[in-house]
Amino acid sequence: MTVALLFGAPPAAAQDTGLPTGQILTISADRLFADSNFGQRVLSELEAEGIVLSAENERIIAELSREEESLTERRATTDPQAFRALADAFDKKVEEHRANQKAKLDALTLNREKARAVFFEAVRPVLETLMRDTGAGVILERSDVFLSANATDITADAIARINEAIGDGADLEIQIER
């Protein structure tokens, strides 16, 4: 009993639940997001949007390729100044396509970042409860820890609690750009 008082006994809740005890815990933030119901839903939606964007890009590239072939065929029979105007217009069209597609890809990346931010804000109370239940003073990102016992990793326990607390997060407010 004296030893427990000197070094601090782990909270009863941690002993009852099988959670690790100690002042320092580790977690994989990437796995926490990707393996949670919320993360799986968001990543699935973003993947579907990426597939649509890719198909759109392929369609536009095919159209531009056909237009380039037609332009190349017309070169021999078109006045050089008129052809230069047509070629410049085509180049402008290609550059606009690239800029539009890049903007759409950037929006997908931004949406992923926004979703992660919403996720980590929503799960903060769950992680704080895990800290209290284990008696921990800190949770560190697992990839930043040089060496630790696997027993300090609470990622799986956190995912289970997060799934229970917020599910797939469909009801959380996320400003997604479309």
N, C-alpha and C. Protein backbone atom coordinates (compact mmCIF):
# COMPACT_ATOMS: atom_id res chain seq x y z
N MET A 1 0.82 -1.20 0.00
CA MET A 1 0.00 0.00 0.00
C MET A 1 0.86 1.25 0.00
N THR A 2 1.95 1.23 0.74
CA THR A 2 2.83 2.38 0.78
C THR A 2 3.46 2.63 -0.57
N VAL A 3 3.84 1.57 -1.28
CA VAL A 3 4.42 1.72 -2.61
C VAL A 3 3.42 2.37 -3.55
N ALA A 4 2.17 1.97 -3.49
CA ALA A 4 1.15 2.54 -4.34
C ALA A 4 0.96 4.01 -4.05
N LEU A 5 1.03 4.41 -2.82
CA LEU A 5 0.88 5.81 -2.47
C LEU A 5 2.08 6.63 -2.94
N LEU A 6 3.28 6.07 -2.83
CA LEU A 6 4.47 6.80 -3.25
C LEU A 6 4.52 7.00 -4.76
N PHE A 7 4.21 5.98 -5.50
CA PHE A 7 4.34 6.05 -6.95
C PHE A 7 3.01 6.30 -7.65
N GLY A 8 1.96 6.36 -6.93
CA GLY A 8 0.65 6.62 -7.51
C GLY A 8 0.06 5.37 -8.13
N ALA A 9 -1.03 4.92 -7.61
CA ALA A 9 -1.70 3.75 -8.15
C ALA A 9 -2.44 4.13 -9.41
N PRO A 10 -2.50 3.23 -10.38
CA PRO A 10 -3.26 3.54 -11.59
C PRO A 10 -4.74 3.66 -11.24
N PRO A 11 -5.47 4.46 -11.98
CA PRO A 11 -6.90 4.60 -11.71
C PRO A 11 -7.60 3.25 -11.83
N ALA A 12 -8.60 3.08 -11.02
CA ALA A 12 -9.35 1.83 -11.01
C ALA A 12 -9.98 1.56 -12.37
N ALA A 13 -10.43 2.63 -13.04
CA ALA A 13 -11.08 2.45 -14.33
C ALA A 13 -10.14 1.80 -15.34
N ALA A 14 -8.87 2.18 -15.31
CA ALA A 14 -7.91 1.60 -16.25
C ALA A 14 -7.69 0.13 -15.94
N GLN A 15 -7.66 -0.21 -14.66
CA GLN A 15 -7.47 -1.61 -14.30
C GLN A 15 -8.67 -2.44 -14.72
N ASP A 16 -9.85 -1.88 -14.59
CA ASP A 16 -11.07 -2.62 -14.92
C ASP A 16 -11.25 -2.81 -16.42
N THR A 17 -10.78 -1.90 -17.22
CA THR A 17 -11.02 -1.95 -18.66
C THR A 17 -9.91 -2.59 -19.45
N GLY A 18 -8.80 -2.85 -18.84
CA GLY A 18 -7.67 -3.43 -19.54
C GLY A 18 -6.88 -2.42 -20.33
N LEU A 19 -7.15 -1.14 -20.12
CA LEU A 19 -6.39 -0.09 -20.80
C LEU A 19 -5.00 0.00 -20.19
N PRO A 20 -4.03 0.45 -20.97
CA PRO A 20 -2.71 0.64 -20.39
C PRO A 20 -2.74 1.74 -19.33
N THR A 21 -1.81 1.67 -18.42
CA THR A 21 -1.71 2.70 -17.40
C THR A 21 -0.34 3.34 -17.52
N GLY A 22 -0.24 4.53 -17.07
CA GLY A 22 1.04 5.24 -17.11
C GLY A 22 0.81 6.68 -17.50
N GLN A 23 1.84 7.46 -17.34
CA GLN A 23 1.75 8.89 -17.63
C GLN A 23 1.81 9.21 -19.12
N ILE A 24 2.41 8.30 -19.89
CA ILE A 24 2.59 8.57 -21.32
C ILE A 24 1.94 7.45 -22.13
N LEU A 25 1.11 7.87 -23.07
CA LEU A 25 0.47 6.95 -24.00
C LEU A 25 0.85 7.36 -25.41
N THR A 26 0.72 6.44 -26.34
CA THR A 26 0.98 6.77 -27.74
C THR A 26 -0.25 6.46 -28.57
N ILE A 27 -0.32 7.13 -29.71
CA ILE A 27 -1.45 6.94 -30.62
C ILE A 27 -0.97 7.23 -32.04
N SER A 28 -1.51 6.53 -33.00
CA SER A 28 -1.21 6.81 -34.40
C SER A 28 -2.36 7.65 -34.95
N ALA A 29 -2.10 8.92 -35.16
CA ALA A 29 -3.15 9.83 -35.62
C ALA A 29 -3.65 9.43 -37.02
N ASP A 30 -2.74 9.01 -37.88
CA ASP A 30 -3.17 8.59 -39.23
C ASP A 30 -4.09 7.39 -39.15
N ARG A 31 -3.71 6.41 -38.36
CA ARG A 31 -4.54 5.21 -38.23
C ARG A 31 -5.85 5.54 -37.51
N LEU A 32 -5.78 6.43 -36.53
CA LEU A 32 -6.98 6.84 -35.80
C LEU A 32 -8.01 7.39 -36.78
N PHE A 33 -7.56 8.24 -37.70
CA PHE A 33 -8.47 8.82 -38.68
C PHE A 33 -8.90 7.77 -39.71
N ALA A 34 -7.93 7.10 -40.32
CA ALA A 34 -8.22 6.19 -41.44
C ALA A 34 -9.04 4.97 -41.03
N ASP A 35 -8.85 4.48 -39.80
CA ASP A 35 -9.55 3.27 -39.37
C ASP A 35 -10.86 3.56 -38.63
N SER A 36 -11.13 4.82 -38.36
CA SER A 36 -12.40 5.15 -37.70
C SER A 36 -13.52 5.12 -38.73
N ASN A 37 -14.74 4.97 -38.27
CA ASN A 37 -15.90 5.01 -39.18
C ASN A 37 -15.96 6.35 -39.90
N PHE A 38 -15.68 7.42 -39.17
CA PHE A 38 -15.66 8.77 -39.74
C PHE A 38 -14.64 8.84 -40.88
N GLY A 39 -13.40 8.45 -40.60
CA GLY A 39 -12.35 8.52 -41.59
C GLY A 39 -12.63 7.66 -42.80
N GLN A 40 -13.15 6.46 -42.57
CA GLN A 40 -13.47 5.57 -43.69
C GLN A 40 -14.54 6.17 -44.58
N ARG A 41 -15.55 6.81 -43.96
CA ARG A 41 -16.60 7.45 -44.76
C ARG A 41 -16.03 8.59 -45.58
N VAL A 42 -15.27 9.46 -44.93
CA VAL A 42 -14.71 10.62 -45.62
C VAL A 42 -13.75 10.19 -46.73
N LEU A 43 -12.86 9.26 -46.40
CA LEU A 43 -11.89 8.80 -47.41
C LEU A 43 -12.59 8.14 -48.59
N SER A 44 -13.66 7.41 -48.32
CA SER A 44 -14.43 6.77 -49.39
C SER A 44 -15.08 7.83 -50.28
N GLU A 45 -15.65 8.85 -49.66
CA GLU A 45 -16.28 9.93 -50.43
C GLU A 45 -15.24 10.67 -51.26
N LEU A 46 -14.09 10.97 -50.66
CA LEU A 46 -13.04 11.68 -51.39
C LEU A 46 -12.47 10.82 -52.52
N GLU A 47 -12.36 9.52 -52.29
CA GLU A 47 -11.88 8.61 -53.34
C GLU A 47 -12.86 8.60 -54.51
N ALA A 48 -14.15 8.57 -54.20
CA ALA A 48 -15.17 8.58 -55.26
C ALA A 48 -15.09 9.89 -56.05
N GLU A 49 -14.90 11.00 -55.36
CA GLU A 49 -14.76 12.28 -56.04
C GLU A 49 -13.49 12.29 -56.89
N GLY A 50 -12.44 11.68 -56.40
CA GLY A 50 -11.20 11.59 -57.15
C GLY A 50 -11.36 10.77 -58.42
N ILE A 51 -12.13 9.70 -58.34
CA ILE A 51 -12.39 8.85 -59.51
C ILE A 51 -13.18 9.65 -60.55
N VAL A 52 -14.17 10.40 -60.09
CA VAL A 52 -14.96 11.24 -61.02
C VAL A 52 -14.05 12.28 -61.67
N LEU A 53 -13.19 12.90 -60.87
CA LEU A 53 -12.27 13.91 -61.40
C LEU A 53 -11.31 13.29 -62.41
N SER A 54 -10.82 12.12 -62.11
CA SER A 54 -9.91 11.43 -63.02
C SER A 54 -10.60 11.09 -64.34
N ALA A 55 -11.83 10.60 -64.27
CA ALA A 55 -12.58 10.28 -65.49
C ALA A 55 -12.85 11.54 -66.31
N GLU A 56 -13.19 12.61 -65.62
CA GLU A 56 -13.41 13.89 -66.30
C GLU A 56 -12.12 14.35 -66.99
N ASN A 57 -11.02 14.21 -66.29
CA ASN A 57 -9.72 14.61 -66.84
C ASN A 57 -9.39 13.78 -68.09
N GLU A 58 -9.61 12.48 -68.02
CA GLU A 58 -9.34 11.62 -69.18
C GLU A 58 -10.22 12.00 -70.36
N ARG A 59 -11.49 12.31 -70.09
CA ARG A 59 -12.42 12.70 -71.15
C ARG A 59 -11.94 14.00 -71.81
N ILE A 60 -11.55 14.97 -70.99
CA ILE A 60 -11.10 16.25 -71.53
C ILE A 60 -9.80 16.08 -72.31
N ILE A 61 -8.90 15.26 -71.80
CA ILE A 61 -7.64 15.02 -72.51
C ILE A 61 -7.91 14.38 -73.87
N ALA A 62 -8.83 13.44 -73.91
CA ALA A 62 -9.18 12.80 -75.19
C ALA A 62 -9.75 13.84 -76.16
N GLU A 63 -10.62 14.72 -75.68
CA GLU A 63 -11.18 15.78 -76.53
C GLU A 63 -10.08 16.71 -77.04
N LEU A 64 -9.18 17.09 -76.14
CA LEU A 64 -8.08 17.97 -76.53
C LEU A 64 -7.14 17.30 -77.52
N SER A 65 -6.92 16.02 -77.36
CA SER A 65 -6.07 15.28 -78.30
C SER A 65 -6.68 15.27 -79.69
N ARG A 66 -8.01 15.04 -79.74
CA ARG A 66 -8.68 15.05 -81.04
C ARG A 66 -8.61 16.46 -81.66
N GLU A 67 -8.79 17.46 -80.84
CA GLU A 67 -8.73 18.84 -81.32
C GLU A 67 -7.31 19.17 -81.81
N GLU A 68 -6.31 18.68 -81.12
CA GLU A 68 -4.93 18.91 -81.54
C GLU A 68 -4.64 18.22 -82.88
N GLU A 69 -5.13 17.01 -83.04
CA GLU A 69 -4.96 16.30 -84.32
C GLU A 69 -5.60 17.08 -85.46
N SER A 70 -6.80 17.56 -85.22
CA SER A 70 -7.51 18.33 -86.24
C SER A 70 -6.73 19.60 -86.58
N LEU A 71 -6.22 20.23 -85.56
CA LEU A 71 -5.44 21.45 -85.76
C LEU A 71 -4.17 21.16 -86.56
N THR A 72 -3.53 20.06 -86.23
CA THR A 72 -2.30 19.66 -86.94
C THR A 72 -2.61 19.39 -88.41
N GLU A 73 -3.74 18.73 -88.70
CA GLU A 73 -4.14 18.44 -90.08
C GLU A 73 -4.44 19.72 -90.86
N ARG A 74 -4.97 20.72 -90.19
CA ARG A 74 -5.34 21.99 -90.84
C ARG A 74 -4.13 22.90 -91.07
N ARG A 75 -3.03 22.59 -90.44
CA ARG A 75 -1.86 23.47 -90.51
C ARG A 75 -1.40 23.71 -91.95
N ALA A 76 -1.34 22.67 -92.75
CA ALA A 76 -0.84 22.79 -94.11
C ALA A 76 -1.73 23.64 -95.01
N THR A 77 -3.02 23.68 -94.70
CA THR A 77 -3.96 24.38 -95.57
C THR A 77 -4.44 25.72 -95.00
N THR A 78 -3.89 26.11 -93.85
CA THR A 78 -4.35 27.33 -93.19
C THR A 78 -3.27 28.41 -93.28
N ASP A 79 -3.73 29.63 -93.48
CA ASP A 79 -2.82 30.78 -93.48
C ASP A 79 -2.02 30.78 -92.17
N PRO A 80 -0.71 31.02 -92.23
CA PRO A 80 0.12 30.97 -91.01
C PRO A 80 -0.37 31.86 -89.88
N GLN A 81 -0.81 33.08 -90.20
CA GLN A 81 -1.31 33.97 -89.14
C GLN A 81 -2.61 33.42 -88.53
N ALA A 82 -3.48 32.92 -89.37
CA ALA A 82 -4.73 32.34 -88.89
C ALA A 82 -4.45 31.08 -88.07
N PHE A 83 -3.48 30.29 -88.55
CA PHE A 83 -3.12 29.09 -87.79
C PHE A 83 -2.54 29.46 -86.43
N ARG A 84 -1.69 30.49 -86.39
CA ARG A 84 -1.09 30.93 -85.13
C ARG A 84 -2.19 31.31 -84.14
N ALA A 85 -3.22 32.00 -84.62
CA ALA A 85 -4.34 32.38 -83.75
C ALA A 85 -5.07 31.13 -83.23
N LEU A 86 -5.27 30.16 -84.12
CA LEU A 86 -5.92 28.91 -83.71
C LEU A 86 -5.05 28.15 -82.69
N ALA A 87 -3.76 28.10 -82.95
CA ALA A 87 -2.84 27.39 -82.05
C ALA A 87 -2.78 28.08 -80.68
N ASP A 88 -2.74 29.41 -80.69
CA ASP A 88 -2.72 30.15 -79.42
C ASP A 88 -4.01 29.92 -78.62
N ALA A 89 -5.13 29.91 -79.33
CA ALA A 89 -6.41 29.65 -78.66
C ALA A 89 -6.43 28.24 -78.07
N PHE A 90 -5.89 27.29 -78.81
CA PHE A 90 -5.83 25.92 -78.31
C PHE A 90 -4.92 25.84 -77.08
N ASP A 91 -3.77 26.47 -77.14
CA ASP A 91 -2.85 26.48 -75.99
C ASP A 91 -3.52 27.09 -74.76
N LYS A 92 -4.27 28.15 -74.97
CA LYS A 92 -4.98 28.80 -73.86
C LYS A 92 -6.02 27.83 -73.26
N LYS A 93 -6.70 27.13 -74.13
CA LYS A 93 -7.71 26.15 -73.69
C LYS A 93 -7.05 25.04 -72.85
N VAL A 94 -5.89 24.56 -73.29
CA VAL A 94 -5.17 23.51 -72.55
C VAL A 94 -4.74 24.03 -71.18
N GLU A 95 -4.21 25.24 -71.15
CA GLU A 95 -3.77 25.83 -69.88
C GLU A 95 -4.96 26.03 -68.92
N GLU A 96 -6.09 26.46 -69.45
CA GLU A 96 -7.29 26.60 -68.62
C GLU A 96 -7.73 25.26 -68.05
N HIS A 97 -7.66 24.22 -68.89
CA HIS A 97 -8.00 22.88 -68.42
C HIS A 97 -7.08 22.47 -67.27
N ARG A 98 -5.79 22.65 -67.46
CA ARG A 98 -4.83 22.29 -66.40
C ARG A 98 -5.13 23.05 -65.12
N ALA A 99 -5.37 24.34 -65.23
CA ALA A 99 -5.65 25.16 -64.04
C ALA A 99 -6.94 24.71 -63.35
N ASN A 100 -7.98 24.43 -64.13
CA ASN A 100 -9.26 23.98 -63.55
C ASN A 100 -9.11 22.64 -62.85
N GLN A 101 -8.43 21.71 -63.49
CA GLN A 101 -8.26 20.39 -62.89
C GLN A 101 -7.38 20.47 -61.64
N LYS A 102 -6.35 21.30 -61.67
CA LYS A 102 -5.50 21.48 -60.49
C LYS A 102 -6.31 22.07 -59.34
N ALA A 103 -7.16 23.04 -59.65
CA ALA A 103 -8.00 23.65 -58.62
C ALA A 103 -8.93 22.61 -57.99
N LYS A 104 -9.48 21.73 -58.82
CA LYS A 104 -10.36 20.68 -58.30
C LYS A 104 -9.59 19.69 -57.43
N LEU A 105 -8.38 19.34 -57.86
CA LEU A 105 -7.54 18.44 -57.07
C LEU A 105 -7.14 19.10 -55.75
N ASP A 106 -6.80 20.37 -55.81
CA ASP A 106 -6.46 21.12 -54.60
C ASP A 106 -7.65 21.17 -53.64
N ALA A 107 -8.85 21.32 -54.18
CA ALA A 107 -10.06 21.35 -53.35
C ALA A 107 -10.26 20.00 -52.65
N LEU A 108 -9.99 18.90 -53.35
CA LEU A 108 -10.08 17.58 -52.73
C LEU A 108 -9.10 17.46 -51.56
N THR A 109 -7.88 17.92 -51.78
CA THR A 109 -6.87 17.88 -50.73
C THR A 109 -7.29 18.75 -49.55
N LEU A 110 -7.80 19.93 -49.83
CA LEU A 110 -8.26 20.83 -48.77
C LEU A 110 -9.42 20.20 -48.01
N ASN A 111 -10.32 19.55 -48.72
CA ASN A 111 -11.46 18.90 -48.06
C ASN A 111 -11.00 17.79 -47.12
N ARG A 112 -9.98 17.06 -47.53
CA ARG A 112 -9.43 16.02 -46.64
C ARG A 112 -8.85 16.66 -45.38
N GLU A 113 -8.11 17.74 -45.56
CA GLU A 113 -7.53 18.43 -44.41
C GLU A 113 -8.61 19.00 -43.49
N LYS A 114 -9.66 19.55 -44.08
CA LYS A 114 -10.78 20.08 -43.28
C LYS A 114 -11.46 18.96 -42.50
N ALA A 115 -11.68 17.83 -43.17
CA ALA A 115 -12.33 16.69 -42.52
C ALA A 115 -11.47 16.19 -41.36
N ARG A 116 -10.16 16.12 -41.54
CA ARG A 116 -9.27 15.69 -40.46
C ARG A 116 -9.35 16.66 -39.29
N ALA A 117 -9.38 17.96 -39.59
CA ALA A 117 -9.46 18.97 -38.52
C ALA A 117 -10.77 18.82 -37.74
N VAL A 118 -11.87 18.63 -38.46
CA VAL A 118 -13.17 18.43 -37.80
C VAL A 118 -13.13 17.16 -36.96
N PHE A 119 -12.56 16.11 -37.52
CA PHE A 119 -12.45 14.83 -36.81
C PHE A 119 -11.68 15.00 -35.50
N PHE A 120 -10.50 15.58 -35.58
CA PHE A 120 -9.68 15.67 -34.38
C PHE A 120 -10.28 16.62 -33.34
N GLU A 121 -11.02 17.60 -33.78
CA GLU A 121 -11.73 18.46 -32.82
C GLU A 121 -12.86 17.65 -32.16
N ALA A 122 -13.56 16.84 -32.94
CA ALA A 122 -14.68 16.05 -32.41
C ALA A 122 -14.21 14.95 -31.46
N VAL A 123 -13.03 14.40 -31.71
CA VAL A 123 -12.57 13.27 -30.88
C VAL A 123 -11.76 13.71 -29.66
N ARG A 124 -11.48 14.98 -29.56
CA ARG A 124 -10.71 15.47 -28.41
C ARG A 124 -11.31 15.03 -27.07
N PRO A 125 -12.63 15.18 -26.86
CA PRO A 125 -13.21 14.74 -25.59
C PRO A 125 -13.03 13.23 -25.35
N VAL A 126 -13.09 12.44 -26.41
CA VAL A 126 -12.90 11.00 -26.27
C VAL A 126 -11.48 10.71 -25.80
N LEU A 127 -10.52 11.38 -26.41
CA LEU A 127 -9.12 11.19 -26.03
C LEU A 127 -8.84 11.69 -24.62
N GLU A 128 -9.48 12.79 -24.25
CA GLU A 128 -9.32 13.30 -22.88
C GLU A 128 -9.87 12.30 -21.86
N THR A 129 -10.99 11.68 -22.17
CA THR A 129 -11.56 10.65 -21.30
C THR A 129 -10.61 9.46 -21.20
N LEU A 130 -10.04 9.05 -22.31
CA LEU A 130 -9.05 7.96 -22.28
C LEU A 130 -7.87 8.32 -21.39
N MET A 131 -7.43 9.56 -21.47
CA MET A 131 -6.32 9.99 -20.60
C MET A 131 -6.72 9.87 -19.13
N ARG A 132 -7.91 10.35 -18.81
CA ARG A 132 -8.37 10.26 -17.42
C ARG A 132 -8.50 8.81 -16.98
N ASP A 133 -9.06 7.97 -17.85
CA ASP A 133 -9.27 6.56 -17.50
C ASP A 133 -7.97 5.80 -17.28
N THR A 134 -6.92 6.25 -17.93
CA THR A 134 -5.63 5.56 -17.80
C THR A 134 -4.68 6.24 -16.84
N GLY A 135 -5.02 7.44 -16.42
CA GLY A 135 -4.13 8.20 -15.53
C GLY A 135 -2.98 8.85 -16.28
N ALA A 136 -3.10 8.96 -17.60
CA ALA A 136 -2.03 9.53 -18.41
C ALA A 136 -2.02 11.05 -18.32
N GLY A 137 -0.83 11.58 -18.50
CA GLY A 137 -0.69 13.03 -18.53
C GLY A 137 -0.48 13.54 -19.94
N VAL A 138 -0.19 12.63 -20.85
CA VAL A 138 0.10 13.04 -22.22
C VAL A 138 -0.14 11.87 -23.18
N ILE A 139 -0.57 12.21 -24.38
CA ILE A 139 -0.65 11.23 -25.47
C ILE A 139 0.26 11.77 -26.57
N LEU A 140 1.23 10.96 -26.96
CA LEU A 140 2.17 11.34 -28.01
C LEU A 140 1.86 10.63 -29.32
N GLU A 141 2.20 11.28 -30.41
CA GLU A 141 2.08 10.66 -31.73
C GLU A 141 3.08 9.52 -31.79
N ARG A 142 2.60 8.34 -32.10
CA ARG A 142 3.44 7.14 -32.08
C ARG A 142 4.65 7.25 -33.01
N SER A 143 4.47 7.86 -34.17
CA SER A 143 5.58 7.95 -35.13
C SER A 143 6.69 8.89 -34.66
N ASP A 144 6.40 9.74 -33.67
CA ASP A 144 7.41 10.65 -33.13
C ASP A 144 8.17 10.05 -31.96
N VAL A 145 7.77 8.87 -31.52
CA VAL A 145 8.42 8.22 -30.38
C VAL A 145 9.50 7.28 -30.91
N PHE A 146 10.69 7.45 -30.41
CA PHE A 146 11.82 6.63 -30.86
C PHE A 146 11.64 5.18 -30.44
N LEU A 147 11.26 4.94 -29.20
CA LEU A 147 11.11 3.58 -28.69
C LEU A 147 10.06 3.58 -27.59
N SER A 148 9.16 2.62 -27.67
CA SER A 148 8.16 2.46 -26.62
C SER A 148 7.64 1.03 -26.63
N ALA A 149 7.03 0.66 -25.53
CA ALA A 149 6.38 -0.64 -25.47
C ALA A 149 5.05 -0.53 -26.20
N ASN A 150 4.67 -1.55 -26.95
CA ASN A 150 3.39 -1.51 -27.64
C ASN A 150 2.23 -1.33 -26.67
N ALA A 151 2.48 -1.65 -25.42
CA ALA A 151 1.43 -1.55 -24.41
C ALA A 151 0.98 -0.11 -24.19
N THR A 152 1.77 0.87 -24.63
CA THR A 152 1.38 2.27 -24.44
C THR A 152 0.48 2.77 -25.55
N ASP A 153 0.34 2.00 -26.63
CA ASP A 153 -0.44 2.43 -27.79
C ASP A 153 -1.93 2.20 -27.53
N ILE A 154 -2.70 3.28 -27.57
CA ILE A 154 -4.14 3.20 -27.31
C ILE A 154 -4.97 3.43 -28.56
N THR A 155 -4.34 3.34 -29.73
CA THR A 155 -5.06 3.65 -30.98
C THR A 155 -6.31 2.79 -31.14
N ALA A 156 -6.20 1.51 -30.97
CA ALA A 156 -7.36 0.62 -31.16
C ALA A 156 -8.48 0.95 -30.18
N ASP A 157 -8.11 1.18 -28.90
CA ASP A 157 -9.12 1.54 -27.91
C ASP A 157 -9.77 2.88 -28.26
N ALA A 158 -8.95 3.82 -28.72
CA ALA A 158 -9.48 5.13 -29.09
C ALA A 158 -10.44 5.02 -30.28
N ILE A 159 -10.08 4.22 -31.27
CA ILE A 159 -10.95 4.05 -32.45
C ILE A 159 -12.30 3.48 -32.01
N ALA A 160 -12.29 2.48 -31.16
CA ALA A 160 -13.55 1.88 -30.69
C ALA A 160 -14.41 2.92 -29.98
N ARG A 161 -13.80 3.71 -29.13
CA ARG A 161 -14.56 4.74 -28.40
C ARG A 161 -15.05 5.84 -29.33
N ILE A 162 -14.22 6.21 -30.29
CA ILE A 162 -14.61 7.25 -31.25
C ILE A 162 -15.77 6.78 -32.10
N ASN A 163 -15.70 5.55 -32.58
CA ASN A 163 -16.80 5.00 -33.38
C ASN A 163 -18.10 5.01 -32.58
N GLU A 164 -17.99 4.70 -31.32
CA GLU A 164 -19.17 4.71 -30.46
C GLU A 164 -19.67 6.13 -30.24
N ALA A 165 -18.76 7.08 -30.07
CA ALA A 165 -19.14 8.46 -29.75
C ALA A 165 -19.66 9.24 -30.95
N ILE A 166 -18.99 9.13 -32.10
CA ILE A 166 -19.39 9.97 -33.24
C ILE A 166 -19.78 9.17 -34.48
N GLY A 167 -19.65 7.86 -34.43
CA GLY A 167 -20.01 7.04 -35.60
C GLY A 167 -19.23 7.46 -36.81
N ASP A 168 -19.93 7.61 -37.94
CA ASP A 168 -19.23 8.00 -39.16
C ASP A 168 -19.14 9.51 -39.31
N GLY A 169 -19.65 10.24 -38.32
CA GLY A 169 -19.52 11.70 -38.31
C GLY A 169 -20.36 12.42 -39.34
N ALA A 170 -21.29 11.72 -39.96
CA ALA A 170 -22.10 12.34 -41.00
C ALA A 170 -22.89 13.54 -40.47
N ASP A 171 -23.16 13.56 -39.18
CA ASP A 171 -23.92 14.67 -38.62
C ASP A 171 -23.04 15.83 -38.16
N LEU A 172 -21.72 15.69 -38.28
CA LEU A 172 -20.82 16.78 -37.92
C LEU A 172 -20.77 17.79 -39.06
N GLU A 173 -20.65 19.04 -38.72
CA GLU A 173 -20.60 20.10 -39.71
C GLU A 173 -19.23 20.15 -40.36
N ILE A 174 -19.19 19.90 -41.65
CA ILE A 174 -17.95 19.99 -42.41
C ILE A 174 -18.24 20.83 -43.66
N GLN A 175 -17.49 21.89 -43.81
CA GLN A 175 -17.63 22.75 -44.99
C GLN A 175 -16.80 22.16 -46.12
N ILE A 176 -17.44 21.43 -46.99
CA ILE A 176 -16.74 20.80 -48.11
C ILE A 176 -16.98 21.66 -49.36
N GLU A 177 -15.88 21.94 -50.06
CA GLU A 177 -15.98 22.71 -51.31
C GLU A 177 -16.31 21.77 -52.46
N ARG A 178 -17.25 22.13 -53.24
CA ARG A 178 -17.64 21.32 -54.41
C ARG A 178 -17.47 22.15 -55.65
